Amino acid sequence: MMTTPPAAISFESVDPVLTPQGHRIRPLVDGRADGNTPGIGICVGGLDVPPGFIARAHRHPETDVIVLVSDCGEEGALTLYGPELEYEVIQFRGEVLPIQKGWNHTVVNLSLTTPIRAYEFRGNRTVVVDNPVLPHLQPVAERRGREFLTALHGPDAVAHLDSVRAAVAGQRAG
C-alpha cells in the first residue's frame, strides 16, 4: 500500500543522471526506498537525447522496456537492435516502441539540430539499474548510426558534428 498520495511529476522537476549508455535519464518514477515513489513496482525515465547522439549499445536483461517519443526532429529516433544490431526501427513523435528484455539495442538521434525527448517505461523499480553495455557491439552501433546520419545529412554535416563534439570534449578535459 502506498503511504504517499499520488502527485504529478514534471519532466524538469527531476535531475538527470548519467547512464552507462552515455546519455542522461531522469528517474521520474523511482520506486526504490529512497526514490520519489517508494514501493511502486514500475518506473519511468525521462530522456533528452542530444542531436546526432549515438548511445552505447546495451541491453536490459531483467526488464521489458517501452519507449514513448514525445518530441523529436522530423528525422525521428533510430533504434538499432538485434544480436548484432542488424535491425532498425525509426520512431516519430507519439509512437511507442516495445523492447523485450534481453534485446541488444542502441538509440541514435537522427536530427543534427533537435534533441529527442522520450519516456522510458520499465517493469522494475528504477531506470538507473539493469543497463549493461555491450562494448563489442559499439563499433557496429557507431558505423550503422553514422551511415544513417550521413545518408540524411551528408558527410560534411556529420564531420562538422564530430568537430563540435571534439571541441566540447577538449574543453571538458582542459
N, C-alpha and C. Protein backbone atom coordinates (compact mmCIF):
# COMPACT_ATOMS: atom_id res chain seq x y z
N MET A 1 0.83 -1.17 0.00
CA MET A 1 0.00 0.00 0.00
C MET A 1 0.89 1.25 0.00
N MET A 2 0.54 2.21 -0.85
CA MET A 2 1.31 3.45 -0.90
C MET A 2 1.05 4.27 0.36
N THR A 3 2.09 4.89 0.85
CA THR A 3 1.95 5.73 2.02
C THR A 3 1.88 7.21 1.64
N THR A 4 2.18 7.51 0.39
CA THR A 4 2.16 8.89 -0.09
C THR A 4 1.09 9.00 -1.17
N PRO A 5 0.24 10.02 -1.11
CA PRO A 5 -0.77 10.16 -2.16
C PRO A 5 -0.12 10.48 -3.50
N PRO A 6 -0.74 10.09 -4.60
CA PRO A 6 -0.18 10.38 -5.92
C PRO A 6 -0.04 11.88 -6.15
N ALA A 7 1.00 12.24 -6.90
CA ALA A 7 1.24 13.63 -7.26
C ALA A 7 1.83 13.66 -8.66
N ALA A 8 1.52 14.69 -9.41
CA ALA A 8 2.08 14.84 -10.75
C ALA A 8 3.58 15.15 -10.66
N ILE A 9 4.34 14.59 -11.58
CA ILE A 9 5.78 14.79 -11.61
C ILE A 9 6.14 15.39 -12.97
N SER A 10 6.68 16.59 -12.96
CA SER A 10 7.05 17.21 -14.22
C SER A 10 8.44 16.74 -14.65
N PHE A 11 8.67 16.75 -15.95
CA PHE A 11 9.93 16.30 -16.52
C PHE A 11 11.11 17.05 -15.88
N GLU A 12 11.03 18.36 -15.83
CA GLU A 12 12.14 19.17 -15.34
C GLU A 12 12.33 19.13 -13.82
N SER A 13 11.38 18.56 -13.09
CA SER A 13 11.48 18.56 -11.63
C SER A 13 12.47 17.53 -11.10
N VAL A 14 12.94 16.62 -11.96
CA VAL A 14 13.87 15.58 -11.54
C VAL A 14 15.18 15.75 -12.30
N ASP A 15 16.28 15.82 -11.57
CA ASP A 15 17.59 15.97 -12.21
C ASP A 15 17.99 14.70 -12.94
N PRO A 16 18.66 14.86 -14.09
CA PRO A 16 19.09 13.68 -14.83
C PRO A 16 20.33 13.03 -14.19
N VAL A 17 20.48 11.74 -14.44
CA VAL A 17 21.68 11.01 -14.04
C VAL A 17 22.30 10.42 -15.31
N LEU A 18 23.60 10.29 -15.31
CA LEU A 18 24.31 9.73 -16.45
C LEU A 18 24.19 8.20 -16.42
N THR A 19 23.78 7.62 -17.53
CA THR A 19 23.61 6.17 -17.61
C THR A 19 24.86 5.52 -18.20
N PRO A 20 25.00 4.21 -18.03
CA PRO A 20 26.11 3.51 -18.68
C PRO A 20 26.07 3.66 -20.21
N GLN A 21 24.89 3.89 -20.78
CA GLN A 21 24.77 4.05 -22.22
C GLN A 21 25.33 5.39 -22.71
N GLY A 22 25.63 6.29 -21.78
CA GLY A 22 26.22 7.56 -22.15
C GLY A 22 25.24 8.71 -22.27
N HIS A 23 23.97 8.47 -22.06
CA HIS A 23 23.03 9.59 -22.09
C HIS A 23 22.48 9.84 -20.70
N ARG A 24 21.72 10.88 -20.59
CA ARG A 24 21.16 11.27 -19.30
C ARG A 24 19.69 10.89 -19.24
N ILE A 25 19.30 10.33 -18.09
CA ILE A 25 17.91 9.94 -17.89
C ILE A 25 17.45 10.51 -16.55
N ARG A 26 16.22 10.96 -16.54
CA ARG A 26 15.62 11.49 -15.31
C ARG A 26 14.75 10.39 -14.70
N PRO A 27 15.05 9.92 -13.49
CA PRO A 27 14.20 8.90 -12.85
C PRO A 27 12.90 9.53 -12.35
N LEU A 28 11.96 9.71 -13.27
CA LEU A 28 10.72 10.42 -12.97
C LEU A 28 9.83 9.66 -11.99
N VAL A 29 9.75 8.35 -12.16
CA VAL A 29 9.03 7.48 -11.22
C VAL A 29 10.04 6.44 -10.77
N ASP A 30 10.44 6.53 -9.53
CA ASP A 30 11.50 5.68 -8.99
C ASP A 30 10.99 5.03 -7.71
N GLY A 31 10.76 3.72 -7.76
CA GLY A 31 10.15 3.01 -6.65
C GLY A 31 11.10 2.50 -5.59
N ARG A 32 12.39 2.84 -5.70
CA ARG A 32 13.32 2.43 -4.64
C ARG A 32 12.95 3.14 -3.34
N ALA A 33 13.43 2.59 -2.23
CA ALA A 33 13.11 3.16 -0.91
C ALA A 33 13.47 4.64 -0.83
N ASP A 34 14.57 5.05 -1.51
CA ASP A 34 14.97 6.45 -1.48
C ASP A 34 14.51 7.21 -2.74
N GLY A 35 13.67 6.58 -3.56
CA GLY A 35 13.15 7.23 -4.76
C GLY A 35 11.98 8.15 -4.46
N ASN A 36 11.44 8.75 -5.51
CA ASN A 36 10.35 9.70 -5.31
C ASN A 36 8.97 9.03 -5.23
N THR A 37 8.90 7.71 -5.51
CA THR A 37 7.65 6.96 -5.39
C THR A 37 7.95 5.61 -4.73
N PRO A 38 8.41 5.62 -3.48
CA PRO A 38 8.85 4.38 -2.84
C PRO A 38 7.78 3.29 -2.89
N GLY A 39 8.21 2.09 -3.27
CA GLY A 39 7.34 0.93 -3.25
C GLY A 39 6.61 0.66 -4.55
N ILE A 40 6.55 1.61 -5.48
CA ILE A 40 5.85 1.35 -6.73
C ILE A 40 6.68 0.36 -7.56
N GLY A 41 6.02 -0.54 -8.25
CA GLY A 41 6.70 -1.65 -8.92
C GLY A 41 7.07 -1.42 -10.37
N ILE A 42 6.77 -0.25 -10.91
CA ILE A 42 7.20 0.10 -12.27
C ILE A 42 7.93 1.43 -12.20
N CYS A 43 8.64 1.77 -13.26
CA CYS A 43 9.36 3.04 -13.25
C CYS A 43 9.23 3.73 -14.60
N VAL A 44 9.54 5.02 -14.58
CA VAL A 44 9.53 5.83 -15.79
C VAL A 44 10.76 6.72 -15.76
N GLY A 45 11.47 6.73 -16.87
CA GLY A 45 12.60 7.63 -17.02
C GLY A 45 12.33 8.63 -18.12
N GLY A 46 12.84 9.83 -17.97
CA GLY A 46 12.72 10.86 -18.99
C GLY A 46 14.07 11.05 -19.67
N LEU A 47 14.10 10.94 -20.98
CA LEU A 47 15.34 11.06 -21.75
C LEU A 47 15.35 12.32 -22.59
N ASP A 48 16.45 13.01 -22.58
CA ASP A 48 16.76 14.05 -23.56
C ASP A 48 17.98 13.55 -24.30
N VAL A 49 17.82 13.22 -25.58
CA VAL A 49 18.91 12.66 -26.38
C VAL A 49 19.42 13.77 -27.30
N PRO A 50 20.68 14.19 -27.15
CA PRO A 50 21.20 15.31 -27.93
C PRO A 50 21.20 15.04 -29.44
N PRO A 51 21.20 16.09 -30.24
CA PRO A 51 21.24 15.93 -31.69
C PRO A 51 22.45 15.10 -32.14
N GLY A 52 22.21 14.17 -33.05
CA GLY A 52 23.28 13.35 -33.62
C GLY A 52 23.89 12.33 -32.67
N PHE A 53 23.34 12.18 -31.48
CA PHE A 53 23.92 11.30 -30.46
C PHE A 53 23.71 9.83 -30.81
N ILE A 54 24.74 9.03 -30.58
CA ILE A 54 24.68 7.57 -30.72
C ILE A 54 24.98 6.99 -29.35
N ALA A 55 23.99 6.36 -28.74
CA ALA A 55 24.17 5.79 -27.40
C ALA A 55 25.03 4.52 -27.48
N ARG A 56 25.61 4.16 -26.35
CA ARG A 56 26.36 2.91 -26.28
C ARG A 56 25.38 1.73 -26.39
N ALA A 57 25.79 0.73 -27.14
CA ALA A 57 24.98 -0.48 -27.27
C ALA A 57 24.81 -1.11 -25.88
N HIS A 58 23.60 -1.57 -25.61
CA HIS A 58 23.31 -2.14 -24.29
C HIS A 58 22.09 -3.04 -24.38
N ARG A 59 21.73 -3.61 -23.23
CA ARG A 59 20.52 -4.42 -23.13
C ARG A 59 19.98 -4.30 -21.71
N HIS A 60 18.76 -4.73 -21.54
CA HIS A 60 18.13 -4.76 -20.21
C HIS A 60 17.78 -6.22 -19.93
N PRO A 61 18.64 -6.95 -19.22
CA PRO A 61 18.43 -8.39 -19.06
C PRO A 61 17.24 -8.78 -18.18
N GLU A 62 16.76 -7.86 -17.35
CA GLU A 62 15.73 -8.26 -16.39
C GLU A 62 14.41 -7.53 -16.52
N THR A 63 14.27 -6.66 -17.51
CA THR A 63 13.01 -5.94 -17.63
C THR A 63 12.70 -5.59 -19.08
N ASP A 64 11.43 -5.66 -19.41
CA ASP A 64 10.97 -5.14 -20.69
C ASP A 64 10.95 -3.62 -20.61
N VAL A 65 11.05 -2.98 -21.77
CA VAL A 65 11.09 -1.52 -21.84
C VAL A 65 10.11 -1.06 -22.92
N ILE A 66 9.39 0.00 -22.64
CA ILE A 66 8.56 0.65 -23.66
C ILE A 66 9.04 2.09 -23.75
N VAL A 67 9.39 2.51 -24.96
CA VAL A 67 9.88 3.87 -25.19
C VAL A 67 8.80 4.66 -25.93
N LEU A 68 8.43 5.81 -25.37
CA LEU A 68 7.47 6.72 -25.99
C LEU A 68 8.22 8.00 -26.36
N VAL A 69 8.29 8.31 -27.65
CA VAL A 69 8.92 9.55 -28.09
C VAL A 69 7.87 10.65 -28.03
N SER A 70 8.14 11.68 -27.22
CA SER A 70 7.18 12.78 -27.13
C SER A 70 7.59 13.95 -28.01
N ASP A 71 8.88 14.05 -28.35
CA ASP A 71 9.32 15.11 -29.26
C ASP A 71 10.62 14.68 -29.91
N CYS A 72 10.76 15.05 -31.18
CA CYS A 72 11.99 14.76 -31.92
C CYS A 72 11.98 15.59 -33.19
N GLY A 73 13.11 15.61 -33.87
CA GLY A 73 13.17 16.27 -35.16
C GLY A 73 12.39 15.48 -36.19
N GLU A 74 12.20 16.06 -37.37
CA GLU A 74 11.43 15.38 -38.41
C GLU A 74 12.09 14.09 -38.88
N GLU A 75 13.39 13.93 -38.59
CA GLU A 75 14.10 12.71 -38.99
C GLU A 75 13.77 11.51 -38.12
N GLY A 76 13.36 11.76 -36.87
CA GLY A 76 12.96 10.69 -35.97
C GLY A 76 14.09 10.16 -35.09
N ALA A 77 13.74 9.14 -34.32
CA ALA A 77 14.67 8.47 -33.40
C ALA A 77 14.90 7.06 -33.92
N LEU A 78 16.15 6.74 -34.19
CA LEU A 78 16.51 5.43 -34.72
C LEU A 78 16.91 4.50 -33.58
N THR A 79 16.32 3.32 -33.53
CA THR A 79 16.77 2.28 -32.63
C THR A 79 17.32 1.14 -33.47
N LEU A 80 18.57 0.79 -33.20
CA LEU A 80 19.21 -0.39 -33.81
C LEU A 80 19.09 -1.50 -32.78
N TYR A 81 18.70 -2.69 -33.21
CA TYR A 81 18.51 -3.77 -32.25
C TYR A 81 18.79 -5.12 -32.89
N GLY A 82 18.91 -6.13 -32.05
CA GLY A 82 19.17 -7.49 -32.51
C GLY A 82 20.50 -7.99 -31.99
N PRO A 83 20.78 -9.28 -32.18
CA PRO A 83 22.03 -9.85 -31.67
C PRO A 83 23.28 -9.07 -32.12
N GLU A 84 23.25 -8.56 -33.37
CA GLU A 84 24.38 -7.79 -33.90
C GLU A 84 23.93 -6.40 -34.34
N LEU A 85 22.85 -5.90 -33.75
CA LEU A 85 22.26 -4.60 -34.11
C LEU A 85 21.93 -4.53 -35.60
N GLU A 86 21.47 -5.65 -36.14
CA GLU A 86 21.22 -5.74 -37.58
C GLU A 86 19.84 -5.22 -38.00
N TYR A 87 18.96 -4.98 -37.05
CA TYR A 87 17.62 -4.49 -37.36
C TYR A 87 17.51 -3.03 -36.96
N GLU A 88 16.54 -2.34 -37.56
CA GLU A 88 16.33 -0.96 -37.18
C GLU A 88 14.85 -0.60 -37.25
N VAL A 89 14.52 0.39 -36.44
CA VAL A 89 13.18 0.97 -36.46
C VAL A 89 13.33 2.46 -36.19
N ILE A 90 12.55 3.26 -36.90
CA ILE A 90 12.56 4.71 -36.67
C ILE A 90 11.23 5.09 -36.04
N GLN A 91 11.32 5.78 -34.91
CA GLN A 91 10.15 6.26 -34.18
C GLN A 91 9.97 7.75 -34.43
N PHE A 92 8.73 8.15 -34.45
CA PHE A 92 8.40 9.57 -34.58
C PHE A 92 7.56 9.99 -33.38
N ARG A 93 7.35 11.26 -33.25
CA ARG A 93 6.59 11.84 -32.14
C ARG A 93 5.29 11.07 -31.92
N GLY A 94 5.06 10.67 -30.67
CA GLY A 94 3.82 10.00 -30.30
C GLY A 94 3.83 8.49 -30.46
N GLU A 95 4.91 7.93 -31.01
CA GLU A 95 4.96 6.48 -31.22
C GLU A 95 5.65 5.77 -30.05
N VAL A 96 5.21 4.54 -29.79
CA VAL A 96 5.82 3.73 -28.74
C VAL A 96 6.58 2.57 -29.38
N LEU A 97 7.64 2.17 -28.72
CA LEU A 97 8.46 1.05 -29.16
C LEU A 97 8.65 0.10 -27.99
N PRO A 98 8.08 -1.11 -28.05
CA PRO A 98 8.34 -2.10 -27.00
C PRO A 98 9.64 -2.84 -27.31
N ILE A 99 10.47 -2.97 -26.28
CA ILE A 99 11.73 -3.72 -26.40
C ILE A 99 11.71 -4.80 -25.33
N GLN A 100 11.68 -6.04 -25.76
CA GLN A 100 11.66 -7.14 -24.79
C GLN A 100 13.00 -7.26 -24.08
N LYS A 101 12.93 -7.70 -22.83
CA LYS A 101 14.16 -7.85 -22.05
C LYS A 101 15.15 -8.75 -22.79
N GLY A 102 16.42 -8.37 -22.65
CA GLY A 102 17.48 -9.14 -23.25
C GLY A 102 17.88 -8.73 -24.66
N TRP A 103 17.08 -7.89 -25.34
CA TRP A 103 17.41 -7.48 -26.71
C TRP A 103 18.53 -6.45 -26.69
N ASN A 104 19.59 -6.71 -27.44
CA ASN A 104 20.65 -5.72 -27.64
C ASN A 104 20.07 -4.56 -28.43
N HIS A 105 20.41 -3.33 -28.04
CA HIS A 105 19.90 -2.17 -28.78
C HIS A 105 20.71 -0.92 -28.47
N THR A 106 20.48 0.09 -29.27
CA THR A 106 21.03 1.43 -29.06
C THR A 106 20.10 2.42 -29.73
N VAL A 107 20.23 3.70 -29.37
CA VAL A 107 19.41 4.74 -29.97
C VAL A 107 20.32 5.76 -30.64
N VAL A 108 19.84 6.31 -31.76
CA VAL A 108 20.55 7.35 -32.50
C VAL A 108 19.55 8.48 -32.76
N ASN A 109 19.94 9.71 -32.39
CA ASN A 109 19.11 10.86 -32.74
C ASN A 109 19.47 11.25 -34.16
N LEU A 110 18.55 11.08 -35.08
CA LEU A 110 18.81 11.34 -36.49
C LEU A 110 18.79 12.82 -36.85
N SER A 111 18.39 13.68 -35.94
CA SER A 111 18.43 15.12 -36.17
C SER A 111 19.78 15.67 -35.73
N LEU A 112 20.29 16.63 -36.47
CA LEU A 112 21.52 17.31 -36.06
C LEU A 112 21.23 18.61 -35.33
N THR A 113 19.94 18.93 -35.15
CA THR A 113 19.59 20.20 -34.51
C THR A 113 18.60 20.07 -33.36
N THR A 114 17.80 19.02 -33.34
CA THR A 114 16.71 18.91 -32.36
C THR A 114 16.93 17.72 -31.42
N PRO A 115 16.92 17.95 -30.11
CA PRO A 115 17.02 16.81 -29.18
C PRO A 115 15.75 15.96 -29.24
N ILE A 116 15.90 14.72 -28.85
CA ILE A 116 14.75 13.83 -28.67
C ILE A 116 14.34 13.92 -27.21
N ARG A 117 13.06 14.03 -26.96
CA ARG A 117 12.53 13.87 -25.60
C ARG A 117 11.68 12.60 -25.63
N ALA A 118 12.01 11.68 -24.75
CA ALA A 118 11.30 10.40 -24.72
C ALA A 118 11.08 9.98 -23.27
N TYR A 119 10.10 9.10 -23.11
CA TYR A 119 9.81 8.50 -21.81
C TYR A 119 10.04 7.00 -21.94
N GLU A 120 10.75 6.46 -20.97
CA GLU A 120 11.06 5.03 -20.97
C GLU A 120 10.37 4.39 -19.78
N PHE A 121 9.49 3.45 -20.06
CA PHE A 121 8.72 2.75 -19.04
C PHE A 121 9.31 1.35 -18.87
N ARG A 122 9.56 0.95 -17.64
CA ARG A 122 10.14 -0.37 -17.37
C ARG A 122 9.36 -1.08 -16.28
N GLY A 123 9.44 -2.40 -16.32
CA GLY A 123 8.74 -3.23 -15.34
C GLY A 123 9.57 -3.53 -14.11
N ASN A 124 10.42 -2.60 -13.70
CA ASN A 124 11.16 -2.73 -12.44
C ASN A 124 11.03 -1.42 -11.67
N ARG A 125 11.72 -1.28 -10.58
CA ARG A 125 11.52 -0.12 -9.70
C ARG A 125 12.27 1.14 -10.11
N THR A 126 13.35 1.01 -10.91
CA THR A 126 14.15 2.20 -11.24
C THR A 126 14.83 2.06 -12.59
N VAL A 127 15.02 3.19 -13.26
CA VAL A 127 15.71 3.20 -14.55
C VAL A 127 17.22 3.28 -14.42
N VAL A 128 17.72 3.40 -13.21
CA VAL A 128 19.17 3.56 -13.05
C VAL A 128 19.89 2.23 -12.78
N VAL A 129 19.24 1.11 -13.05
CA VAL A 129 19.88 -0.20 -12.97
C VAL A 129 19.51 -1.00 -14.22
N ASP A 130 20.12 -2.15 -14.39
CA ASP A 130 19.76 -3.09 -15.45
C ASP A 130 20.11 -2.54 -16.84
N ASN A 131 21.32 -1.96 -16.97
CA ASN A 131 21.74 -1.35 -18.22
C ASN A 131 23.14 -1.79 -18.66
N PRO A 132 23.46 -3.08 -18.69
CA PRO A 132 24.84 -3.43 -19.06
C PRO A 132 25.15 -3.05 -20.51
N VAL A 133 26.30 -2.39 -20.68
CA VAL A 133 26.73 -2.00 -22.02
C VAL A 133 27.39 -3.19 -22.71
N LEU A 134 27.43 -3.12 -24.02
CA LEU A 134 27.97 -4.20 -24.86
C LEU A 134 29.08 -3.63 -25.73
N PRO A 135 30.29 -3.48 -25.16
CA PRO A 135 31.38 -2.83 -25.89
C PRO A 135 31.72 -3.49 -27.23
N HIS A 136 31.53 -4.80 -27.32
CA HIS A 136 31.84 -5.49 -28.57
C HIS A 136 30.91 -5.07 -29.71
N LEU A 137 29.74 -4.49 -29.38
CA LEU A 137 28.80 -4.04 -30.41
C LEU A 137 28.91 -2.54 -30.70
N GLN A 138 29.72 -1.81 -29.93
CA GLN A 138 29.79 -0.38 -30.15
C GLN A 138 30.32 0.01 -31.53
N PRO A 139 31.32 -0.69 -32.07
CA PRO A 139 31.74 -0.34 -33.45
C PRO A 139 30.60 -0.49 -34.46
N VAL A 140 29.75 -1.48 -34.27
CA VAL A 140 28.59 -1.66 -35.16
C VAL A 140 27.61 -0.51 -34.96
N ALA A 141 27.35 -0.15 -33.71
CA ALA A 141 26.42 0.96 -33.42
C ALA A 141 26.93 2.25 -34.05
N GLU A 142 28.21 2.53 -33.89
CA GLU A 142 28.79 3.76 -34.45
C GLU A 142 28.73 3.74 -35.98
N ARG A 143 29.11 2.64 -36.58
CA ARG A 143 29.13 2.55 -38.04
C ARG A 143 27.72 2.71 -38.61
N ARG A 144 26.78 1.94 -38.07
CA ARG A 144 25.41 1.99 -38.60
C ARG A 144 24.75 3.34 -38.31
N GLY A 145 24.96 3.88 -37.10
CA GLY A 145 24.40 5.18 -36.77
C GLY A 145 24.93 6.27 -37.69
N ARG A 146 26.24 6.26 -37.93
CA ARG A 146 26.85 7.26 -38.82
C ARG A 146 26.36 7.09 -40.26
N GLU A 147 26.12 5.84 -40.68
CA GLU A 147 25.59 5.61 -42.03
C GLU A 147 24.23 6.29 -42.19
N PHE A 148 23.35 6.14 -41.20
CA PHE A 148 22.04 6.77 -41.26
C PHE A 148 22.18 8.30 -41.24
N LEU A 149 23.02 8.82 -40.34
CA LEU A 149 23.21 10.27 -40.25
C LEU A 149 23.79 10.83 -41.56
N THR A 150 24.76 10.13 -42.13
CA THR A 150 25.38 10.59 -43.38
C THR A 150 24.38 10.55 -44.53
N ALA A 151 23.57 9.50 -44.59
CA ALA A 151 22.57 9.41 -45.66
C ALA A 151 21.56 10.56 -45.58
N LEU A 152 21.22 10.98 -44.36
CA LEU A 152 20.26 12.06 -44.19
C LEU A 152 20.86 13.45 -44.38
N HIS A 153 22.09 13.64 -43.90
CA HIS A 153 22.64 14.99 -43.79
C HIS A 153 23.91 15.22 -44.62
N GLY A 154 24.52 14.16 -45.12
CA GLY A 154 25.75 14.29 -45.90
C GLY A 154 26.99 14.21 -45.02
N PRO A 155 28.12 13.83 -45.62
CA PRO A 155 29.35 13.64 -44.85
C PRO A 155 29.88 14.92 -44.22
N ASP A 156 29.70 16.08 -44.86
CA ASP A 156 30.21 17.33 -44.30
C ASP A 156 29.50 17.69 -43.00
N ALA A 157 28.19 17.49 -42.95
CA ALA A 157 27.42 17.80 -41.74
C ALA A 157 27.84 16.88 -40.59
N VAL A 158 28.06 15.61 -40.88
CA VAL A 158 28.47 14.67 -39.84
C VAL A 158 29.90 14.99 -39.38
N ALA A 159 30.77 15.37 -40.30
CA ALA A 159 32.14 15.76 -39.93
C ALA A 159 32.11 17.01 -39.05
N HIS A 160 31.23 17.96 -39.36
CA HIS A 160 31.10 19.17 -38.54
C HIS A 160 30.62 18.81 -37.13
N LEU A 161 29.64 17.92 -37.04
CA LEU A 161 29.17 17.47 -35.74
C LEU A 161 30.31 16.84 -34.94
N ASP A 162 31.12 16.02 -35.60
CA ASP A 162 32.27 15.40 -34.93
C ASP A 162 33.25 16.45 -34.41
N SER A 163 33.50 17.50 -35.20
CA SER A 163 34.45 18.53 -34.76
C SER A 163 33.90 19.33 -33.58
N VAL A 164 32.61 19.59 -33.58
CA VAL A 164 32.00 20.29 -32.44
C VAL A 164 32.11 19.44 -31.18
N ARG A 165 31.82 18.16 -31.31
CA ARG A 165 31.92 17.25 -30.14
C ARG A 165 33.36 17.18 -29.62
N ALA A 166 34.33 17.12 -30.53
CA ALA A 166 35.73 17.05 -30.12
C ALA A 166 36.13 18.32 -29.37
N ALA A 167 35.65 19.47 -29.85
CA ALA A 167 35.96 20.74 -29.17
C ALA A 167 35.36 20.78 -27.76
N VAL A 168 34.12 20.32 -27.63
CA VAL A 168 33.47 20.28 -26.33
C VAL A 168 34.21 19.34 -25.38
N ALA A 169 34.60 18.16 -25.91
CA ALA A 169 35.35 17.20 -25.08
C ALA A 169 36.69 17.78 -24.65
N GLY A 170 37.33 18.53 -25.53
CA GLY A 170 38.60 19.18 -25.19
C GLY A 170 38.44 20.22 -24.10
N GLN A 171 37.33 20.97 -24.15
CA GLN A 171 37.07 21.97 -23.12
C GLN A 171 36.83 21.31 -21.78
N ARG A 172 36.14 20.18 -21.77
CA ARG A 172 35.87 19.46 -20.52
C ARG A 172 37.18 18.90 -19.93
N ALA A 173 38.07 18.42 -20.80
CA ALA A 173 39.32 17.82 -20.34
C ALA A 173 40.29 18.90 -19.83
N GLY A 174 40.16 20.10 -20.37
CA GLY A 174 41.10 21.18 -20.05
C GLY A 174 40.72 21.96 -18.88
